Amino acid sequence: MRRSTSRAFGVAVLAAVAGAACGGTAARTSSLAAPRATAPPPNAADVRFMTVMIPHHAQAVLFAGWAASHGAGRAVRVLCERIVVAQRDEIETMRDWLRDRGRTVPPAEFARAGTLRAGAERDMLMPGMLTEDQLAELNAARGPQFDRLFLTYMIPHHEGALIMVDQLFGSYGAAQGDVVFKVASDMYADQSIEIERMERMLAAQPPVAPGP
């Protein structure tokens, strides 16, 4: 699935770069003949992406932040620290972008109670998000069990972010601005690399001990 989305993303990035270059040339040419027009409102796909990705990131920060207190192994702790730092920074960038454009700004922290249920809303808006039951299961795990569950759940969570980036670049006129383009393209690159790393880590996990 990721190979196909990577190709789609690559095509979309090239199209976006070409469109930005052409748009820049047209803007320079038209500025010689007429005053600059009032800036148009932000693209709806950009607003939706930045708005919905904030709680998506916030959930990842929430359960990656459990690594130290839940006895995670060193490799998982290091990965979680990287995820927390990177995604907190991206959350603030996305919140600033929305605030500067007078849009509703979601909270930086993930609100758990009653916000997620398995079903259409979660699947439609935020691919890869954990349900309340999955969060509770992960929160109850410790040591190697936490490591295995964390990797099992964070891989599709990251894959969900890649789907959302593909949807953004597949939307007409989206990601033409520098901030949205950089956030989305950096996110895609970083999380693709982390998925491959987590898949190797999961494959190296010791087998689960059989129950009594």
C-alpha atoms as a PDB file:
ATOM      1  CA  MET A   1       0.000   0.000   0.000  1.00  0.00           C
ATOM      2  CA  ARG A   2       2.782   2.440   0.860  1.00  0.00           C
ATOM      3  CA  ARG A   3       4.601   1.884  -2.424  1.00  0.00           C
ATOM      4  CA  SER A   4       1.522   2.954  -4.362  1.00  0.00           C
ATOM      5  CA  THR A   5       0.903   5.934  -2.127  1.00  0.00           C
ATOM      6  CA  SER A   6       4.561   6.915  -2.441  1.00  0.00           C
ATOM      7  CA  ARG A   7       4.212   7.020  -6.218  1.00  0.00           C
ATOM      8  CA  ALA A   8       1.065   9.068  -5.891  1.00  0.00           C
ATOM      9  CA  PHE A   9       2.792  11.392  -3.501  1.00  0.00           C
ATOM     10  CA  GLY A  10       5.792  11.806  -5.786  1.00  0.00           C
ATOM     11  CA  VAL A  11       3.598  12.693  -8.735  1.00  0.00           C
ATOM     12  CA  ALA A  12       1.636  15.109  -6.594  1.00  0.00           C
ATOM     13  CA  VAL A  13       4.784  16.795  -5.294  1.00  0.00           C
ATOM     14  CA  LEU A  14       6.121  17.306  -8.806  1.00  0.00           C
ATOM     15  CA  ALA A  15       2.798  18.733  -9.888  1.00  0.00           C
ATOM     16  CA  ALA A  16       2.700  21.025  -6.888  1.00  0.00           C
ATOM     17  CA  VAL A  17       6.239  22.272  -7.487  1.00  0.00           C
ATOM     18  CA  ALA A  18       5.541  22.846 -11.186  1.00  0.00           C
ATOM     19  CA  GLY A  19       2.318  24.641 -10.371  1.00  0.00           C
ATOM     20  CA  ALA A  20       4.050  26.847  -7.833  1.00  0.00           C
ATOM     21  CA  ALA A  21       6.760  27.724 -10.341  1.00  0.00           C
ATOM     22  CA  CYS A  22       4.245  28.577 -13.060  1.00  0.00           C
ATOM     23  CA  GLY A  23       2.149  30.525 -10.604  1.00  0.00           C
ATOM     24  CA  GLY A  24       5.170  32.516  -9.518  1.00  0.00           C
ATOM     25  CA  THR A  25       5.988  33.444 -13.132  1.00  0.00           C
ATOM     26  CA  ALA A  26       2.420  34.498 -13.803  1.00  0.00           C
ATOM     27  CA  ALA A  27       2.338  36.599 -10.647  1.00  0.00           C
ATOM     28  CA  ARG A  28       5.536  38.430 -11.596  1.00  0.00           C
ATOM     29  CA  THR A  29       4.233  39.104 -15.092  1.00  0.00           C
ATOM     30  CA  SER A  30       0.815  40.347 -13.980  1.00  0.00           C
ATOM     31  CA  SER A  31       2.331  42.592 -11.297  1.00  0.00           C
ATOM     32  CA  LEU A  32       3.872  44.712 -14.049  1.00  0.00           C
ATOM     33  CA  ALA A  33       0.448  45.527 -15.460  1.00  0.00           C
ATOM     34  CA  ALA A  34      -1.842  45.812 -12.432  1.00  0.00           C
ATOM     35  CA  PRO A  35      -1.769  46.181  -8.639  1.00  0.00           C
ATOM     36  CA  ARG A  36      -1.679  42.943  -6.652  1.00  0.00           C
ATOM     37  CA  ALA A  37      -5.144  41.620  -5.860  1.00  0.00           C
ATOM     38  CA  THR A  38      -6.302  40.844  -2.334  1.00  0.00           C
ATOM     39  CA  ALA A  39      -4.975  37.491  -1.152  1.00  0.00           C
ATOM     40  CA  PRO A  40      -7.592  34.744  -1.626  1.00  0.00           C
ATOM     41  CA  PRO A  41      -8.840  32.736   1.367  1.00  0.00           C
ATOM     42  CA  PRO A  42      -6.805  29.628   2.190  1.00  0.00           C
ATOM     43  CA  ASN A  43      -7.526  26.487   0.213  1.00  0.00           C
ATOM     44  CA  ALA A  44     -10.202  24.384   1.941  1.00  0.00           C
ATOM     45  CA  ALA A  45      -8.105  21.211   1.636  1.00  0.00           C
ATOM     46  CA  ASP A  46      -5.182  22.958   3.350  1.00  0.00           C
ATOM     47  CA  VAL A  47      -7.412  24.093   6.222  1.00  0.00           C
ATOM     48  CA  ARG A  48      -8.890  20.628   6.645  1.00  0.00           C
ATOM     49  CA  PHE A  49      -5.480  18.931   6.580  1.00  0.00           C
ATOM     50  CA  MET A  50      -3.931  21.276   9.141  1.00  0.00           C
ATOM     51  CA  THR A  51      -7.019  21.092  11.375  1.00  0.00           C
ATOM     52  CA  VAL A  52      -7.454  17.319  11.369  1.00  0.00           C
ATOM     53  CA  MET A  53      -3.764  16.500  11.571  1.00  0.00           C
ATOM     54  CA  ILE A  54      -3.418  18.304  14.908  1.00  0.00           C
ATOM     55  CA  PRO A  55      -5.472  15.775  16.945  1.00  0.00           C
ATOM     56  CA  HIS A  56      -3.934  12.971  14.878  1.00  0.00           C
ATOM     57  CA  HIS A  57      -0.469  14.120  15.966  1.00  0.00           C
ATOM     58  CA  ALA A  58      -1.667  14.837  19.499  1.00  0.00           C
ATOM     59  CA  GLN A  59      -2.775  11.241  19.964  1.00  0.00           C
ATOM     60  CA  ALA A  60       0.633   9.982  18.811  1.00  0.00           C
ATOM     61  CA  VAL A  61       2.326  12.347  21.283  1.00  0.00           C
ATOM     62  CA  LEU A  62       0.039  11.046  24.041  1.00  0.00           C
ATOM     63  CA  PHE A  63       0.864   7.378  23.754  1.00  0.00           C
ATOM     64  CA  ALA A  64       4.486   7.835  22.665  1.00  0.00           C
ATOM     65  CA  GLY A  65       4.853   9.787  25.906  1.00  0.00           C
ATOM     66  CA  TRP A  66       4.042   6.659  27.887  1.00  0.00           C
ATOM     67  CA  ALA A  67       7.282   4.909  26.921  1.00  0.00           C
ATOM     68  CA  ALA A  68       9.375   5.948  29.929  1.00  0.00           C
ATOM     69  CA  SER A  69       6.679   5.217  32.529  1.00  0.00           C
ATOM     70  CA  HIS A  70       5.618   1.928  30.937  1.00  0.00           C
ATOM     71  CA  GLY A  71       8.989   0.201  30.904  1.00  0.00           C
ATOM     72  CA  ALA A  72       9.662   0.444  27.183  1.00  0.00           C
ATOM     73  CA  GLY A  73      12.949  -0.917  25.877  1.00  0.00           C
ATOM     74  CA  ARG A  74      15.705   1.481  24.923  1.00  0.00           C
ATOM     75  CA  ALA A  75      15.056   1.393  21.159  1.00  0.00           C
ATOM     76  CA  VAL A  76      11.354   2.093  21.615  1.00  0.00           C
ATOM     77  CA  ARG A  77      12.064   4.882  24.127  1.00  0.00           C
ATOM     78  CA  VAL A  78      14.439   6.611  21.729  1.00  0.00           C
ATOM     79  CA  LEU A  79      11.915   6.330  18.902  1.00  0.00           C
ATOM     80  CA  CYS A  80       9.150   7.692  21.134  1.00  0.00           C
ATOM     81  CA  GLU A  81      11.266  10.660  22.171  1.00  0.00           C
ATOM     82  CA  ARG A  82      11.844  11.503  18.519  1.00  0.00           C
ATOM     83  CA  ILE A  83       8.139  11.203  17.710  1.00  0.00           C
ATOM     84  CA  VAL A  84       7.134  13.420  20.650  1.00  0.00           C
ATOM     85  CA  VAL A  85       9.599  16.196  19.772  1.00  0.00           C
ATOM     86  CA  ALA A  86       8.922  16.171  16.020  1.00  0.00           C
ATOM     87  CA  GLN A  87       5.147  15.990  16.252  1.00  0.00           C
ATOM     88  CA  ARG A  88       4.871  18.606  19.001  1.00  0.00           C
ATOM     89  CA  ASP A  89       6.820  20.998  16.783  1.00  0.00           C
ATOM     90  CA  GLU A  90       4.545  20.234  13.827  1.00  0.00           C
ATOM     91  CA  ILE A  91       1.451  20.719  15.996  1.00  0.00           C
ATOM     92  CA  GLU A  92       2.586  24.227  16.924  1.00  0.00           C
ATOM     93  CA  THR A  93       3.371  25.061  13.295  1.00  0.00           C
ATOM     94  CA  MET A  94      -0.093  23.897  12.206  1.00  0.00           C
ATOM     95  CA  ARG A  95      -1.814  25.752  15.058  1.00  0.00           C
ATOM     96  CA  ASP A  96       0.042  28.966  14.187  1.00  0.00           C
ATOM     97  CA  TRP A  97      -0.930  28.597  10.521  1.00  0.00           C
ATOM     98  CA  LEU A  98      -4.619  28.206  11.396  1.00  0.00           C
ATOM     99  CA  ARG A  99      -4.542  31.032  13.939  1.00  0.00           C
ATOM    100  CA  ASP A 100      -2.913  33.416  11.467  1.00  0.00           C
ATOM    101  CA  ARG A 101      -5.777  32.771   9.057  1.00  0.00           C
ATOM    102  CA  GLY A 102      -8.528  33.234  11.592  1.00  0.00           C
ATOM    103  CA  ARG A 103      -9.506  29.563  11.639  1.00  0.00           C
ATOM    104  CA  THR A 104     -10.553  27.381  14.556  1.00  0.00           C
ATOM    105  CA  VAL A 105      -7.465  26.031  16.286  1.00  0.00           C
ATOM    106  CA  PRO A 106      -7.744  22.553  17.856  1.00  0.00           C
ATOM    107  CA  PRO A 107      -6.046  22.067  21.243  1.00  0.00           C
ATOM    108  CA  ALA A 108      -2.469  20.850  21.265  1.00  0.00           C
ATOM    109  CA  GLU A 109      -3.268  18.091  23.765  1.00  0.00           C
ATOM    110  CA  PHE A 110      -5.315  15.047  22.861  1.00  0.00           C
ATOM    111  CA  ALA A 111      -8.621  14.841  24.719  1.00  0.00           C
ATOM    112  CA  ARG A 112      -9.354  11.164  25.259  1.00  0.00           C
ATOM    113  CA  ALA A 113     -12.717  10.876  26.946  1.00  0.00           C
ATOM    114  CA  GLY A 114     -15.442  10.027  24.478  1.00  0.00           C
ATOM    115  CA  THR A 115     -13.630  11.449  21.463  1.00  0.00           C
ATOM    116  CA  LEU A 116     -12.856   8.218  19.640  1.00  0.00           C
ATOM    117  CA  ARG A 117     -15.007   5.233  18.875  1.00  0.00           C
ATOM    118  CA  ALA A 118     -14.511   2.531  16.314  1.00  0.00           C
ATOM    119  CA  GLY A 119     -16.661   3.466  13.347  1.00  0.00           C
ATOM    120  CA  ALA A 120     -17.226   5.690  10.369  1.00  0.00           C
ATOM    121  CA  GLU A 121     -16.232   9.022  11.928  1.00  0.00           C
ATOM    122  CA  ARG A 122     -12.798   7.813  12.950  1.00  0.00           C
ATOM    123  CA  ASP A 123     -12.203   6.027   9.663  1.00  0.00           C
ATOM    124  CA  MET A 124     -13.338   8.974   7.566  1.00  0.00           C
ATOM    125  CA  LEU A 125     -11.568  11.789   9.382  1.00  0.00           C
ATOM    126  CA  MET A 126      -8.445  10.360  10.938  1.00  0.00           C
ATOM    127  CA  PRO A 127      -7.110   7.128   9.455  1.00  0.00           C
ATOM    128  CA  GLY A 128      -5.010   5.057  11.824  1.00  0.00           C
ATOM    129  CA  MET A 129      -6.267   6.599  15.040  1.00  0.00           C
ATOM    130  CA  LEU A 130      -6.494   4.308  18.065  1.00  0.00           C
ATOM    131  CA  THR A 131      -9.846   3.628  19.677  1.00  0.00           C
ATOM    132  CA  GLU A 132     -10.435   4.094  23.389  1.00  0.00           C
ATOM    133  CA  ASP A 133     -10.137   0.325  23.878  1.00  0.00           C
ATOM    134  CA  GLN A 134      -6.786   0.239  22.091  1.00  0.00           C
ATOM    135  CA  LEU A 135      -5.468   3.174  24.115  1.00  0.00           C
ATOM    136  CA  ALA A 136      -6.573   1.457  27.323  1.00  0.00           C
ATOM    137  CA  GLU A 137      -4.899  -1.797  26.265  1.00  0.00           C
ATOM    138  CA  LEU A 138      -1.640  -0.007  25.494  1.00  0.00           C
ATOM    139  CA  ASN A 139      -1.791   2.020  28.710  1.00  0.00           C
ATOM    140  CA  ALA A 140      -2.149  -1.198  30.722  1.00  0.00           C
ATOM    141  CA  ALA A 141       0.866  -2.858  29.060  1.00  0.00           C
ATOM    142  CA  ARG A 142       4.355  -2.822  30.496  1.00  0.00           C
ATOM    143  CA  GLY A 143       7.844  -3.769  29.320  1.00  0.00           C
ATOM    144  CA  PRO A 144       8.107  -5.982  26.217  1.00  0.00           C
ATOM    145  CA  GLN A 145       4.330  -6.165  25.973  1.00  0.00           C
ATOM    146  CA  PHE A 146       4.200  -2.369  25.725  1.00  0.00           C
ATOM    147  CA  ASP A 147       6.937  -2.374  23.064  1.00  0.00           C
ATOM    148  CA  ARG A 148       5.081  -4.879  20.897  1.00  0.00           C
ATOM    149  CA  LEU A 149       1.708  -3.161  21.248  1.00  0.00           C
ATOM    150  CA  PHE A 150       3.194   0.288  20.700  1.00  0.00           C
ATOM    151  CA  LEU A 151       4.817  -0.757  17.432  1.00  0.00           C
ATOM    152  CA  THR A 152       1.702  -2.672  16.371  1.00  0.00           C
ATOM    153  CA  TYR A 153      -0.452   0.439  16.845  1.00  0.00           C
ATOM    154  CA  MET A 154       1.955   3.195  15.813  1.00  0.00           C
ATOM    155  CA  ILE A 155       2.684   1.670  12.399  1.00  0.00           C
ATOM    156  CA  PRO A 156      -0.928   2.016  11.148  1.00  0.00           C
ATOM    157  CA  HIS A 157      -1.160   5.383  12.927  1.00  0.00           C
ATOM    158  CA  HIS A 158       1.757   6.609  10.805  1.00  0.00           C
ATOM    159  CA  GLU A 159       0.259   4.975   7.720  1.00  0.00           C
ATOM    160  CA  GLY A 160      -2.908   6.943   8.398  1.00  0.00           C
ATOM    161  CA  ALA A 161      -0.898  10.172   8.291  1.00  0.00           C
ATOM    162  CA  LEU A 162       0.537   9.157   4.897  1.00  0.00           C
ATOM    163  CA  ILE A 163      -3.007   8.596   3.610  1.00  0.00           C
ATOM    164  CA  MET A 164      -3.960  12.082   4.759  1.00  0.00           C
ATOM    165  CA  VAL A 165      -0.951  13.620   3.023  1.00  0.00           C
ATOM    166  CA  ASP A 166      -1.862  11.776  -0.188  1.00  0.00           C
ATOM    167  CA  GLN A 167      -5.410  13.108   0.115  1.00  0.00           C
ATOM    168  CA  LEU A 168      -4.045  16.633   0.526  1.00  0.00           C
ATOM    169  CA  PHE A 169      -1.824  16.457  -2.550  1.00  0.00           C
ATOM    170  CA  GLY A 170      -4.654  14.898  -4.512  1.00  0.00           C
ATOM    171  CA  SER A 171      -6.900  17.915  -3.815  1.00  0.00           C
ATOM    172  CA  TYR A 172      -7.152  20.656  -6.411  1.00  0.00           C
ATOM    173  CA  GLY A 173      -5.072  23.715  -5.564  1.00  0.00           C
ATOM    174  CA  ALA A 174      -3.831  22.306  -2.249  1.00  0.00           C
ATOM    175  CA  ALA A 175      -0.381  22.731  -0.665  1.00  0.00           C
ATOM    176  CA  GLN A 176       0.629  25.674  -2.840  1.00  0.00           C
ATOM    177  CA  GLY A 177       1.841  27.691   0.142  1.00  0.00           C
ATOM    178  CA  ASP A 178       5.306  27.104   1.546  1.00  0.00           C
ATOM    179  CA  VAL A 179       4.185  26.171   5.079  1.00  0.00           C
ATOM    180  CA  VAL A 180       1.590  23.555   4.136  1.00  0.00           C
ATOM    181  CA  PHE A 181       3.842  22.038   1.467  1.00  0.00           C
ATOM    182  CA  LYS A 182       6.792  21.775   3.865  1.00  0.00           C
ATOM    183  CA  VAL A 183       4.752  20.363   6.743  1.00  0.00           C
ATOM    184  CA  ALA A 184       3.121  17.737   4.533  1.00  0.00           C
ATOM    185  CA  SER A 185       6.228  16.713   2.588  1.00  0.00           C
ATOM    186  CA  ASP A 186       8.462  16.571   5.695  1.00  0.00           C
ATOM    187  CA  MET A 187       5.782  14.564   7.504  1.00  0.00           C
ATOM    188  CA  TYR A 188       5.554  12.081   4.651  1.00  0.00           C
ATOM    189  CA  ALA A 189       9.310  11.603   4.444  1.00  0.00           C
ATOM    190  CA  ASP A 190       9.867  11.298   8.209  1.00  0.00           C
ATOM    191  CA  GLN A 191       6.974   8.967   8.911  1.00  0.00           C
ATOM    192  CA  SER A 192       7.767   6.718   5.929  1.00  0.00           C
ATOM    193  CA  ILE A 193      11.259   6.213   7.361  1.00  0.00           C
ATOM    194  CA  GLU A 194       9.854   5.594  10.845  1.00  0.00           C
ATOM    195  CA  ILE A 195       7.400   3.011   9.516  1.00  0.00           C
ATOM    196  CA  GLU A 196      10.232   1.006   7.975  1.00  0.00           C
ATOM    197  CA  ARG A 197      12.198   1.266  11.205  1.00  0.00           C
ATOM    198  CA  MET A 198       9.226   0.164  13.329  1.00  0.00           C
ATOM    199  CA  GLU A 199       8.526  -2.790  11.047  1.00  0.00           C
ATOM    200  CA  ARG A 200      12.114  -4.002  11.576  1.00  0.00           C
ATOM    201  CA  MET A 201      11.805  -3.448  15.328  1.00  0.00           C
ATOM    202  CA  LEU A 202       8.517  -5.344  15.478  1.00  0.00           C
ATOM    203  CA  ALA A 203       9.944  -8.255  13.515  1.00  0.00           C
ATOM    204  CA  ALA A 204      12.817  -8.441  16.024  1.00  0.00           C
ATOM    205  CA  GLN A 205      10.530  -8.526  19.072  1.00  0.00           C
ATOM    206  CA  PRO A 206      10.711 -11.758  21.099  1.00  0.00           C
ATOM    207  CA  PRO A 207       7.699 -14.050  20.731  1.00  0.00           C
ATOM    208  CA  VAL A 208       4.847 -13.555  23.154  1.00  0.00           C
ATOM    209  CA  ALA A 209       4.938 -16.106  25.965  1.00  0.00           C
ATOM    210  CA  PRO A 210       1.974 -18.504  25.845  1.00  0.00           C
ATOM    211  CA  GLY A 211      -0.686 -18.081  28.480  1.00  0.00           C
ATOM    212  CA  PRO A 212      -1.240 -20.566  31.316  1.00  0.00           C
END
